[in-house]
Amino acid sequence: MNMSDMIGVLSAKGLKVTPQRLAVLGALVALPNHPTADSIKAYVNEQFPSLALGTVYNILDVFFEKGIVTKVKTDRDFVRYDIEVNGHHHLYCDECDYIENYFDEELDNLLQSYFQRKGIPNFNIRDINLQIVGSYINHNPPKNL
């Protein structure tokens, strides 16, 4: 995603385009492994050394409310941010804390079909996303970790 795309994303969501929002969005695009607010802050620190962590959280909260990012919670209770908002699941390595997006249309159809048939009493399902927890064979996560 280039600068023009990022400006377009913010504008399309009705957000004022600010250098800080662009920096946080750029960090989300650039950083692998579903970054935390702390890692985003560290990434933008060179460009904006005075940007407070609270401001990063505020920007991320607005991005979440506007559907620009989703939140992913880990077993260690850290909230991570995902720039990929289209339906997908996650592979989570509980040994190295790596999170990878997992796309599987067959799994999506199976889950949707199951819950349409079975349902959950007194509960309206808006979305289904699965977090598959395990560990990488030979402790070998993807190279971009």
C-alpha atoms as a PDB file:
ATOM      1  CA  MET A   1       0.000   0.000   0.000  1.00  0.00           C
ATOM      2  CA  ASN A   2       1.556   3.276  -1.074  1.00  0.00           C
ATOM      3  CA  MET A   3       0.990   6.774   0.339  1.00  0.00           C
ATOM      4  CA  SER A   4      -1.818   7.525  -2.109  1.00  0.00           C
ATOM      5  CA  ASP A   5      -3.595   4.292  -1.113  1.00  0.00           C
ATOM      6  CA  MET A   6      -3.241   5.116   2.581  1.00  0.00           C
ATOM      7  CA  ILE A   7      -4.645   8.617   2.056  1.00  0.00           C
ATOM      8  CA  GLY A   8      -7.517   7.019   0.139  1.00  0.00           C
ATOM      9  CA  VAL A   9      -8.245   4.570   2.977  1.00  0.00           C
ATOM     10  CA  LEU A  10      -8.390   7.324   5.581  1.00  0.00           C
ATOM     11  CA  SER A  11     -10.471   9.618   3.377  1.00  0.00           C
ATOM     12  CA  ALA A  12     -12.897   6.836   2.418  1.00  0.00           C
ATOM     13  CA  LYS A  13     -13.544   6.225   6.122  1.00  0.00           C
ATOM     14  CA  GLY A  14     -14.217   9.915   6.730  1.00  0.00           C
ATOM     15  CA  LEU A  15     -11.050  10.482   8.707  1.00  0.00           C
ATOM     16  CA  LYS A  16      -8.883  13.569   8.599  1.00  0.00           C
ATOM     17  CA  VAL A  17      -5.561  12.704   6.989  1.00  0.00           C
ATOM     18  CA  THR A  18      -2.826  13.565   9.485  1.00  0.00           C
ATOM     19  CA  PRO A  19       0.884  12.726   9.428  1.00  0.00           C
ATOM     20  CA  GLN A  20       0.447  10.705  12.633  1.00  0.00           C
ATOM     21  CA  ARG A  21      -2.400   8.602  11.218  1.00  0.00           C
ATOM     22  CA  LEU A  22      -0.432   8.033   8.029  1.00  0.00           C
ATOM     23  CA  ALA A  23       2.611   6.970  10.067  1.00  0.00           C
ATOM     24  CA  VAL A  24       0.575   4.477  12.133  1.00  0.00           C
ATOM     25  CA  LEU A  25      -1.137   3.111   9.027  1.00  0.00           C
ATOM     26  CA  GLY A  26       2.253   2.813   7.319  1.00  0.00           C
ATOM     27  CA  ALA A  27       3.594   0.887  10.302  1.00  0.00           C
ATOM     28  CA  LEU A  28       0.626  -1.503  10.170  1.00  0.00           C
ATOM     29  CA  VAL A  29       1.368  -2.165   6.515  1.00  0.00           C
ATOM     30  CA  ALA A  30       5.131  -2.528   6.992  1.00  0.00           C
ATOM     31  CA  LEU A  31       5.344  -4.547  10.203  1.00  0.00           C
ATOM     32  CA  PRO A  32       4.865  -8.316  10.025  1.00  0.00           C
ATOM     33  CA  ASN A  33       3.215 -10.561  12.591  1.00  0.00           C
ATOM     34  CA  HIS A  34       0.230  -8.426  13.599  1.00  0.00           C
ATOM     35  CA  PRO A  35       2.055  -5.698  15.537  1.00  0.00           C
ATOM     36  CA  THR A  36       1.281  -4.438  19.032  1.00  0.00           C
ATOM     37  CA  ALA A  37       0.800  -0.755  19.803  1.00  0.00           C
ATOM     38  CA  ASP A  38       4.285  -0.775  21.369  1.00  0.00           C
ATOM     39  CA  SER A  39       5.923  -2.129  18.206  1.00  0.00           C
ATOM     40  CA  ILE A  40       4.015   0.408  16.098  1.00  0.00           C
ATOM     41  CA  LYS A  41       5.196   3.191  18.423  1.00  0.00           C
ATOM     42  CA  ALA A  42       8.792   1.982  18.098  1.00  0.00           C
ATOM     43  CA  TYR A  43       8.465   1.862  14.305  1.00  0.00           C
ATOM     44  CA  VAL A  44       7.151   5.423  13.970  1.00  0.00           C
ATOM     45  CA  ASN A  45       9.547   6.756  16.624  1.00  0.00           C
ATOM     46  CA  GLU A  46      12.185   7.817  14.062  1.00  0.00           C
ATOM     47  CA  GLN A  47       9.683   9.938  12.170  1.00  0.00           C
ATOM     48  CA  PHE A  48       7.713  11.125  15.223  1.00  0.00           C
ATOM     49  CA  PRO A  49       9.849  10.809  18.383  1.00  0.00           C
ATOM     50  CA  SER A  50       7.364  12.823  20.443  1.00  0.00           C
ATOM     51  CA  LEU A  51       4.320  10.739  19.438  1.00  0.00           C
ATOM     52  CA  ALA A  52       2.951   9.360  22.698  1.00  0.00           C
ATOM     53  CA  LEU A  53       1.960   5.723  23.089  1.00  0.00           C
ATOM     54  CA  GLY A  54      -1.491   6.933  24.178  1.00  0.00           C
ATOM     55  CA  THR A  55      -1.864   8.715  20.839  1.00  0.00           C
ATOM     56  CA  VAL A  56      -0.933   5.507  19.007  1.00  0.00           C
ATOM     57  CA  TYR A  57      -3.625   3.658  20.987  1.00  0.00           C
ATOM     58  CA  ASN A  58      -6.157   6.401  20.200  1.00  0.00           C
ATOM     59  CA  ILE A  59      -5.369   6.186  16.472  1.00  0.00           C
ATOM     60  CA  LEU A  60      -5.623   2.385  16.565  1.00  0.00           C
ATOM     61  CA  ASP A  61      -8.968   2.608  18.381  1.00  0.00           C
ATOM     62  CA  VAL A  62     -10.297   4.937  15.675  1.00  0.00           C
ATOM     63  CA  PHE A  63      -8.948   2.610  12.965  1.00  0.00           C
ATOM     64  CA  PHE A  64     -10.724  -0.297  14.685  1.00  0.00           C
ATOM     65  CA  GLU A  65     -14.012   1.625  14.967  1.00  0.00           C
ATOM     66  CA  LYS A  66     -13.811   2.558  11.275  1.00  0.00           C
ATOM     67  CA  GLY A  67     -13.002  -1.001  10.163  1.00  0.00           C
ATOM     68  CA  ILE A  68      -9.463  -0.270   8.987  1.00  0.00           C
ATOM     69  CA  VAL A  69      -7.954  -2.824  11.392  1.00  0.00           C
ATOM     70  CA  THR A  70      -9.132  -5.710  13.508  1.00  0.00           C
ATOM     71  CA  LYS A  71      -7.848  -6.712  16.918  1.00  0.00           C
ATOM     72  CA  VAL A  72      -6.321 -10.107  17.618  1.00  0.00           C
ATOM     73  CA  LYS A  73      -5.833 -11.214  21.219  1.00  0.00           C
ATOM     74  CA  THR A  74      -3.076 -13.672  22.055  1.00  0.00           C
ATOM     75  CA  ASP A  75      -2.852 -16.261  24.816  1.00  0.00           C
ATOM     76  CA  ARG A  76      -0.466 -13.893  26.573  1.00  0.00           C
ATOM     77  CA  ASP A  77      -3.252 -11.277  26.676  1.00  0.00           C
ATOM     78  CA  PHE A  78      -1.592  -8.898  24.229  1.00  0.00           C
ATOM     79  CA  VAL A  79      -3.772  -7.117  21.716  1.00  0.00           C
ATOM     80  CA  ARG A  80      -2.304  -7.192  18.245  1.00  0.00           C
ATOM     81  CA  TYR A  81      -3.580  -5.337  15.202  1.00  0.00           C
ATOM     82  CA  ASP A  82      -4.386  -6.784  11.803  1.00  0.00           C
ATOM     83  CA  ILE A  83      -4.557  -4.618   8.696  1.00  0.00           C
ATOM     84  CA  GLU A  84      -6.249  -7.466   6.788  1.00  0.00           C
ATOM     85  CA  VAL A  85      -9.930  -6.934   7.524  1.00  0.00           C
ATOM     86  CA  ASN A  86     -11.389  -9.318   4.944  1.00  0.00           C
ATOM     87  CA  GLY A  87     -12.619 -12.600   6.395  1.00  0.00           C
ATOM     88  CA  HIS A  88      -9.848 -14.919   7.496  1.00  0.00           C
ATOM     89  CA  HIS A  89      -8.638 -16.945  10.448  1.00  0.00           C
ATOM     90  CA  HIS A  90      -5.359 -16.996  12.368  1.00  0.00           C
ATOM     91  CA  LEU A  91      -2.636 -19.511  13.077  1.00  0.00           C
ATOM     92  CA  TYR A  92      -1.144 -18.641  16.455  1.00  0.00           C
ATOM     93  CA  CYS A  93       2.113 -20.192  17.648  1.00  0.00           C
ATOM     94  CA  ASP A  94       1.912 -20.176  21.428  1.00  0.00           C
ATOM     95  CA  GLU A  95       5.635 -20.887  21.707  1.00  0.00           C
ATOM     96  CA  CYS A  96       7.019 -17.996  19.667  1.00  0.00           C
ATOM     97  CA  ASP A  97       3.942 -15.702  19.729  1.00  0.00           C
ATOM     98  CA  TYR A  98       3.786 -15.561  15.912  1.00  0.00           C
ATOM     99  CA  ILE A  99       0.398 -14.923  14.275  1.00  0.00           C
ATOM    100  CA  GLU A 100      -0.243 -15.713  10.637  1.00  0.00           C
ATOM    101  CA  ASN A 101      -3.345 -15.029   8.569  1.00  0.00           C
ATOM    102  CA  TYR A 102      -5.027 -18.210   7.355  1.00  0.00           C
ATOM    103  CA  PHE A 103      -7.391 -18.125   4.388  1.00  0.00           C
ATOM    104  CA  ASP A 104      -9.521 -21.178   3.624  1.00  0.00           C
ATOM    105  CA  GLU A 105     -12.795 -20.759   1.745  1.00  0.00           C
ATOM    106  CA  GLU A 106     -13.815 -24.363   2.411  1.00  0.00           C
ATOM    107  CA  LEU A 107     -13.409 -23.843   6.171  1.00  0.00           C
ATOM    108  CA  ASP A 108     -15.382 -20.584   5.942  1.00  0.00           C
ATOM    109  CA  ASN A 109     -18.238 -22.349   4.156  1.00  0.00           C
ATOM    110  CA  LEU A 110     -18.188 -25.236   6.635  1.00  0.00           C
ATOM    111  CA  LEU A 111     -18.390 -22.906   9.656  1.00  0.00           C
ATOM    112  CA  GLN A 112     -21.111 -20.735   8.110  1.00  0.00           C
ATOM    113  CA  SER A 113     -23.145 -23.782   7.106  1.00  0.00           C
ATOM    114  CA  TYR A 114     -22.780 -25.321  10.560  1.00  0.00           C
ATOM    115  CA  PHE A 115     -23.960 -22.224  12.408  1.00  0.00           C
ATOM    116  CA  GLN A 116     -26.780 -21.549   9.956  1.00  0.00           C
ATOM    117  CA  ARG A 117     -28.025 -25.086  10.588  1.00  0.00           C
ATOM    118  CA  LYS A 118     -27.320 -25.304  14.295  1.00  0.00           C
ATOM    119  CA  GLY A 119     -27.498 -21.703  15.464  1.00  0.00           C
ATOM    120  CA  ILE A 120     -26.882 -20.496  18.968  1.00  0.00           C
ATOM    121  CA  PRO A 121     -30.011 -19.671  21.003  1.00  0.00           C
ATOM    122  CA  ASN A 122     -30.489 -15.967  21.753  1.00  0.00           C
ATOM    123  CA  PHE A 123     -27.320 -15.000  19.859  1.00  0.00           C
ATOM    124  CA  ASN A 124     -26.953 -13.221  16.503  1.00  0.00           C
ATOM    125  CA  ILE A 125     -23.705 -14.197  14.791  1.00  0.00           C
ATOM    126  CA  ARG A 126     -22.080 -11.278  12.934  1.00  0.00           C
ATOM    127  CA  ASP A 127     -18.786 -12.887  12.060  1.00  0.00           C
ATOM    128  CA  ILE A 128     -16.902 -16.109  12.584  1.00  0.00           C
ATOM    129  CA  ASN A 129     -13.145 -16.108  12.894  1.00  0.00           C
ATOM    130  CA  LEU A 130     -11.143 -18.974  14.184  1.00  0.00           C
ATOM    131  CA  GLN A 131      -7.808 -18.830  15.963  1.00  0.00           C
ATOM    132  CA  ILE A 132      -5.915 -22.076  15.552  1.00  0.00           C
ATOM    133  CA  VAL A 133      -3.362 -22.451  18.350  1.00  0.00           C
ATOM    134  CA  GLY A 134      -0.318 -24.672  18.045  1.00  0.00           C
ATOM    135  CA  SER A 135       3.376 -24.486  17.311  1.00  0.00           C
ATOM    136  CA  TYR A 136       5.507 -24.612  14.209  1.00  0.00           C
ATOM    137  CA  ILE A 137       7.233 -27.898  13.438  1.00  0.00           C
ATOM    138  CA  ASN A 138      10.887 -27.706  14.478  1.00  0.00           C
ATOM    139  CA  HIS A 139      10.118 -24.233  15.839  1.00  0.00           C
ATOM    140  CA  ASN A 140      10.377 -22.875  12.305  1.00  0.00           C
ATOM    141  CA  PRO A 141       7.934 -19.955  11.845  1.00  0.00           C
ATOM    142  CA  PRO A 142       7.872 -18.041   8.562  1.00  0.00           C
ATOM    143  CA  LYS A 143      11.038 -16.100   7.743  1.00  0.00           C
ATOM    144  CA  ASN A 144       9.430 -12.656   8.132  1.00  0.00           C
ATOM    145  CA  LEU A 145       9.083 -13.078  11.909  1.00  0.00           C
END
